[in-house]
Protein backbone atom coordinates (compact mmCIF):
# COMPACT_ATOMS: atom_id res chain seq x y z
CA UNK A 1 -16.60 -50.31 -10.82
CA UNK A 2 -15.23 -46.79 -10.61
CA UNK A 3 -12.13 -45.09 -11.93
CA UNK A 4 -10.78 -41.69 -10.98
CA UNK A 5 -9.96 -39.69 -14.08
CA UNK A 6 -8.63 -36.18 -13.65
CA UNK A 7 -10.14 -35.94 -10.19
CA UNK A 8 -13.52 -37.21 -11.45
CA UNK A 9 -14.83 -40.61 -10.38
CA UNK A 10 -16.63 -42.34 -13.24
CA UNK A 11 -18.69 -45.47 -12.63
CA UNK A 12 -18.91 -48.14 -15.31
CA UNK A 13 -19.60 -51.77 -16.17
CA UNK A 14 -17.07 -53.88 -18.07
CA UNK A 15 -18.18 -57.31 -19.26
CA UNK A 16 -17.21 -59.81 -21.90
CA UNK A 17 -14.23 -60.00 -24.21
CA UNK A 18 -13.43 -59.19 -27.80
CA UNK A 19 -14.24 -56.10 -29.84
CA UNK A 20 -14.85 -53.21 -27.40
CA UNK A 21 -18.33 -51.65 -27.49
CA UNK A 22 -18.94 -48.49 -25.45
CA UNK A 23 -22.56 -47.76 -24.49
CA UNK A 24 -23.36 -44.07 -23.88
CA UNK A 25 -26.70 -43.36 -22.21
CA UNK A 26 -29.04 -40.43 -22.74
CA UNK A 27 -30.61 -37.72 -20.58
CA UNK A 28 -31.53 -37.94 -17.71
CA UNK A 29 -30.53 -41.58 -17.39
CA UNK A 30 -27.62 -43.82 -16.39
CA UNK A 31 -25.74 -46.93 -17.44
CA UNK A 32 -28.56 -48.98 -15.94
CA UNK A 33 -30.59 -48.56 -19.13
CA UNK A 34 -28.08 -50.90 -20.78
CA UNK A 35 -28.65 -53.81 -18.38
CA UNK A 36 -30.52 -55.83 -21.05
CA UNK A 37 -27.57 -55.40 -23.40
CA UNK A 38 -24.94 -56.19 -20.75
CA UNK A 39 -26.81 -59.38 -19.97
CA UNK A 40 -27.53 -60.38 -23.55
CA UNK A 41 -24.45 -59.44 -25.58
CA UNK A 42 -21.42 -60.20 -23.42
CA UNK A 43 -20.70 -63.27 -25.53
CA UNK A 44 -20.01 -61.26 -28.70
CA UNK A 45 -18.03 -58.20 -27.52
CA UNK A 46 -16.36 -56.48 -24.61
CA UNK A 47 -19.17 -54.30 -23.30
CA UNK A 48 -18.43 -51.07 -21.44
CA UNK A 49 -21.26 -48.91 -20.12
CA UNK A 50 -20.42 -45.78 -18.17
CA UNK A 51 -22.34 -43.31 -16.07
CA UNK A 52 -21.63 -39.90 -17.53
CA UNK A 53 -20.62 -37.24 -15.01
CA UNK A 54 -23.56 -36.26 -12.83
CA UNK A 55 -25.41 -39.50 -13.55
CA UNK A 56 -25.85 -42.77 -11.69
CA UNK A 57 -22.83 -43.52 -9.51
CA UNK A 58 -20.42 -41.06 -11.16
CA UNK A 59 -19.46 -37.84 -9.44
CA UNK A 60 -21.93 -34.98 -9.68
CA UNK A 61 -20.13 -31.79 -10.62
CA UNK A 62 -21.72 -28.43 -11.44
CA UNK A 63 -21.21 -26.81 -14.81
CA UNK A 64 -22.08 -26.86 -18.47
CA UNK A 65 -21.82 -30.40 -19.85
CA UNK A 66 -20.94 -29.79 -23.48
CA UNK A 67 -21.08 -32.80 -25.76
CA UNK A 68 -17.34 -32.38 -26.35
CA UNK A 69 -16.72 -32.52 -22.60
CA UNK A 70 -18.73 -35.72 -22.25
CA UNK A 71 -16.92 -37.19 -25.26
CA UNK A 72 -13.61 -36.39 -23.56
CA UNK A 73 -14.80 -38.24 -20.45
CA UNK A 74 -15.55 -41.28 -22.62
CA UNK A 75 -12.12 -41.08 -24.25
CA UNK A 76 -10.39 -40.73 -20.89
CA UNK A 77 -12.19 -43.78 -19.53
CA UNK A 78 -11.25 -45.90 -22.54
CA UNK A 79 -7.62 -44.85 -22.16
CA UNK A 80 -7.72 -45.56 -18.41
CA UNK A 81 -8.93 -49.07 -19.23
CA UNK A 82 -5.92 -49.53 -21.49
CA UNK A 83 -7.90 -49.81 -24.70
CA UNK A 84 -5.69 -49.07 -27.68
CA UNK A 85 -7.77 -50.56 -30.50
CA UNK A 86 -10.76 -48.74 -32.04
CA UNK A 87 -14.12 -49.21 -30.30
CA UNK A 88 -17.71 -49.40 -31.43
CA UNK A 89 -19.72 -46.49 -30.03
CA UNK A 90 -23.40 -47.00 -29.21
CA UNK A 91 -25.10 -43.76 -28.16
CA UNK A 92 -28.77 -43.34 -27.29
CA UNK A 93 -30.46 -39.93 -27.55
CA UNK A 94 -28.04 -37.49 -25.87
CA UNK A 95 -25.56 -40.35 -26.02
CA UNK A 96 -25.85 -40.06 -29.78
CA UNK A 97 -24.89 -36.38 -29.58
CA UNK A 98 -21.86 -37.43 -27.52
CA UNK A 99 -21.08 -40.08 -30.14
CA UNK A 100 -21.07 -37.46 -32.91
CA UNK A 101 -18.73 -35.27 -30.82
CA UNK A 102 -16.44 -38.23 -30.11
CA UNK A 103 -16.24 -39.13 -33.80
CA UNK A 104 -15.44 -35.53 -34.77
CA UNK A 105 -12.63 -35.34 -32.20
CA UNK A 106 -11.24 -38.87 -32.20
CA UNK A 107 -12.14 -40.67 -35.46
CA UNK A 108 -9.06 -42.88 -35.17
CA UNK A 109 -10.52 -44.39 -31.98
CA UNK A 110 -13.81 -45.41 -33.64
CA UNK A 111 -14.40 -48.79 -35.28
CA UNK A 112 -18.11 -48.32 -36.03
CA UNK A 113 -21.18 -46.38 -34.88
CA UNK A 114 -24.56 -47.40 -33.48
CA UNK A 115 -26.97 -44.48 -33.26
CA UNK A 116 -30.09 -45.21 -31.21
CA UNK A 117 -33.10 -42.92 -30.80
CA UNK A 118 -31.07 -39.85 -31.67
CA UNK A 119 -30.87 -37.02 -34.20
CA UNK A 120 -28.06 -35.17 -35.93
CA UNK A 121 -29.61 -31.69 -35.91
CA UNK A 122 -29.17 -28.98 -33.32
CA UNK A 123 -32.00 -27.71 -31.12
CA UNK A 124 -34.58 -25.51 -32.80
CA UNK A 125 -35.40 -22.16 -31.16
CA UNK A 126 -38.44 -23.86 -29.61
CA UNK A 127 -36.25 -26.72 -28.44
CA UNK A 128 -33.81 -24.33 -26.79
CA UNK A 129 -36.66 -22.57 -25.03
CA UNK A 130 -37.89 -25.95 -23.77
CA UNK A 131 -34.42 -26.69 -22.38
CA UNK A 132 -34.66 -23.48 -20.34
CA UNK A 133 -38.13 -24.44 -19.11
CA UNK A 134 -36.87 -27.86 -18.08
CA UNK A 135 -33.95 -26.26 -16.23
CA UNK A 136 -36.38 -24.05 -14.30
CA UNK A 137 -38.47 -27.12 -13.49
CA UNK A 138 -35.39 -28.98 -12.26
CA UNK A 139 -34.33 -26.09 -10.04
CA UNK A 140 -37.79 -25.94 -8.45
CA UNK A 141 -38.77 -29.59 -8.30
CA UNK A 142 -35.55 -31.56 -8.64
CA UNK A 143 -35.10 -34.84 -10.51
CA UNK A 144 -38.55 -36.11 -9.53
CA UNK A 145 -40.24 -33.25 -11.35
CA UNK A 146 -38.18 -33.96 -14.47
CA UNK A 147 -39.00 -37.67 -14.28
CA UNK A 148 -42.71 -36.94 -13.89
CA UNK A 149 -42.75 -34.60 -16.88
CA UNK A 150 -40.70 -36.82 -19.18
CA UNK A 151 -41.61 -40.41 -18.37
CA UNK A 152 -44.81 -40.69 -20.45
CA UNK A 153 -42.86 -39.53 -23.51
CA UNK A 154 -39.86 -41.79 -22.96
CA UNK A 155 -41.74 -44.99 -23.76
CA UNK A 156 -44.18 -46.00 -26.45
CA UNK A 157 -47.85 -45.70 -25.40
CA UNK A 158 -48.07 -49.50 -25.45
CA UNK A 159 -45.07 -49.94 -23.15
CA UNK A 160 -46.31 -47.22 -20.80
CA UNK A 161 -49.70 -48.91 -20.47
CA UNK A 162 -48.68 -52.57 -20.46
CA UNK A 163 -45.26 -52.70 -18.76
CA UNK A 164 -45.59 -51.22 -15.26
CA UNK A 165 -42.32 -52.76 -14.06
CA UNK A 166 -40.45 -51.07 -16.91
CA UNK A 167 -42.18 -47.75 -16.16
CA UNK A 168 -41.10 -48.02 -12.51
CA UNK A 169 -37.55 -48.96 -13.48
CA UNK A 170 -37.18 -45.96 -15.78
CA UNK A 171 -38.62 -43.70 -13.07
CA UNK A 172 -36.00 -44.94 -10.60
CA UNK A 173 -33.17 -44.34 -13.07
CA UNK A 174 -34.35 -40.82 -13.92
CA UNK A 175 -35.00 -39.86 -10.31
CA UNK A 176 -31.47 -41.01 -9.44
CA UNK A 177 -29.85 -38.43 -11.70
CA UNK A 178 -28.27 -35.55 -9.81
CA UNK A 179 -29.56 -31.98 -10.21
CA UNK A 180 -26.08 -31.02 -11.44
CA UNK A 181 -26.28 -33.70 -14.12
CA UNK A 182 -29.71 -32.60 -15.27
CA UNK A 183 -28.77 -28.93 -15.52
CA UNK A 184 -25.39 -29.70 -17.09
CA UNK A 185 -27.04 -31.90 -19.73
CA UNK A 186 -29.71 -29.35 -20.57
CA UNK A 187 -27.24 -26.55 -21.15
CA UNK A 188 -24.94 -28.84 -23.11
CA UNK A 189 -27.70 -30.11 -25.39
CA UNK A 190 -29.04 -26.61 -25.88
CA UNK A 191 -25.70 -25.37 -27.22
CA UNK A 192 -24.62 -28.46 -29.16
CA UNK A 193 -23.64 -27.95 -32.81
CA UNK A 194 -25.50 -29.27 -35.81
CA UNK A 195 -23.92 -32.60 -36.77
CA UNK A 196 -25.92 -32.94 -40.00
CA UNK A 197 -23.28 -31.43 -42.33
CA UNK A 198 -20.79 -34.03 -41.12
CA UNK A 199 -22.97 -37.07 -41.78
CA UNK A 200 -21.77 -37.47 -45.37
CA UNK A 201 -18.19 -37.53 -44.07
CA UNK A 202 -18.69 -40.50 -41.76
CA UNK A 203 -16.46 -43.28 -43.01
CA UNK A 204 -17.34 -45.94 -40.46
CA UNK A 205 -20.00 -48.61 -40.76
CA UNK A 206 -23.10 -47.22 -39.09
CA UNK A 207 -26.22 -48.88 -37.68
CA UNK A 208 -29.21 -46.68 -36.86
CA UNK A 209 -31.83 -48.11 -34.50
CA UNK A 210 -35.07 -46.28 -33.79
CA UNK A 211 -38.40 -47.01 -32.17
CA UNK A 212 -41.37 -46.84 -34.52
CA UNK A 213 -43.36 -45.11 -31.75
CA UNK A 214 -40.70 -42.68 -30.51
CA UNK A 215 -42.55 -39.62 -29.17
CA UNK A 216 -39.45 -37.46 -28.67
CA UNK A 217 -37.62 -37.93 -31.98
CA UNK A 218 -39.76 -38.97 -34.96
CA UNK A 219 -38.57 -41.92 -37.05
CA UNK A 220 -38.38 -39.59 -40.05
CA UNK A 221 -35.21 -38.10 -38.54
CA UNK A 222 -33.60 -41.53 -38.33
CA UNK A 223 -34.56 -42.13 -41.95
CA UNK A 224 -32.95 -38.84 -42.96
CA UNK A 225 -29.74 -39.76 -41.14
CA UNK A 226 -29.61 -43.18 -42.79
CA UNK A 227 -29.89 -41.49 -46.17
CA UNK A 228 -27.11 -39.05 -45.41
CA UNK A 229 -24.49 -41.39 -43.89
CA UNK A 230 -22.76 -43.44 -46.61
CA UNK A 231 -23.69 -47.09 -46.33
CA UNK A 232 -25.72 -46.66 -43.15
CA UNK A 233 -28.42 -49.18 -42.36
CA UNK A 234 -31.64 -48.42 -40.49
CA UNK A 235 -33.76 -50.73 -38.37
CA UNK A 236 -37.08 -49.56 -36.93
CA UNK A 237 -38.24 -51.54 -33.90
CA UNK A 238 -42.00 -52.03 -33.58
CA UNK A 239 -43.90 -51.15 -30.38
CA UNK A 240 -40.89 -49.21 -29.11
CA UNK A 241 -40.44 -45.61 -28.13
CA UNK A 242 -37.41 -43.58 -27.08
CA UNK A 243 -36.01 -46.33 -24.83
CA UNK A 244 -36.20 -48.98 -27.53
CA UNK A 245 -33.33 -50.98 -26.05
CA UNK A 246 -35.34 -51.52 -22.85
CA UNK A 247 -38.73 -51.88 -24.52
CA UNK A 248 -37.62 -54.36 -27.19
CA UNK A 249 -34.36 -55.81 -25.81
CA UNK A 250 -34.41 -58.99 -27.88
CA UNK A 251 -34.88 -57.13 -31.16
CA UNK A 252 -32.33 -54.49 -30.19
CA UNK A 253 -29.78 -57.08 -29.10
CA UNK A 254 -30.36 -59.13 -32.22
CA UNK A 255 -29.62 -56.16 -34.47
CA UNK A 256 -26.48 -55.26 -32.50
CA UNK A 257 -25.31 -58.89 -32.44
CA UNK A 258 -25.58 -59.16 -36.22
CA UNK A 259 -23.79 -55.83 -36.66
CA UNK A 260 -20.91 -56.85 -34.38
CA UNK A 261 -20.50 -60.17 -36.13
CA UNK A 262 -20.22 -58.38 -39.48
CA UNK A 263 -17.44 -56.21 -38.08
CA UNK A 264 -15.58 -59.28 -36.87
CA UNK A 265 -15.60 -61.06 -40.25
């Protein structure tokens, strides 16, 4: 499905009924990473998974994709769908950065948070330099060059070696991201603010999910977030890397299912 919002066509999935749960994908991915969740959790919540601008089937527009801008897109989509009650936000990696921005701007629209394979801190100087290098690579080689450079780090070593179908699927998703989306994401992530000071102010129930073998964001960062957010709970998934929801879908879905049921009590 697609909706035109402010001249921008956003693609999304909308399945199930009940408490709304918005899935926000990471870089350089699309809503397709959430297929295992859309298939496995539609009986416990209304699941909405969007393609952020420049990703998947949403319009590719040039520019700097700040996390606030992407959060506004999420808000506009929810409003276009007529959702008036608070929603659960589930953000993975860059989607987690968007989730932090959304909560800062629209806390009244948030019922609870699920933070997957993400961090609260801003980019280090080295990280910012790496964003610039990735942007140069994207300009020269396009999405395929980005996919080739990132794919081995996106999954756990075990998944990368033993799950060729998953490796191919992730490659297809990454390669399908527009150049505008890749460059917009990189500049937006590079300039995002540090969300760490705000962790202690989060007043919503929070679930943190992280792969024990994440090569991009170490589990220690998830542990630090769980210690800083009041009442947060942390679940580390074994044999999972940065795309833990695709690598260990049953464990991921089980944790989300239990979390949603608690919210509904």
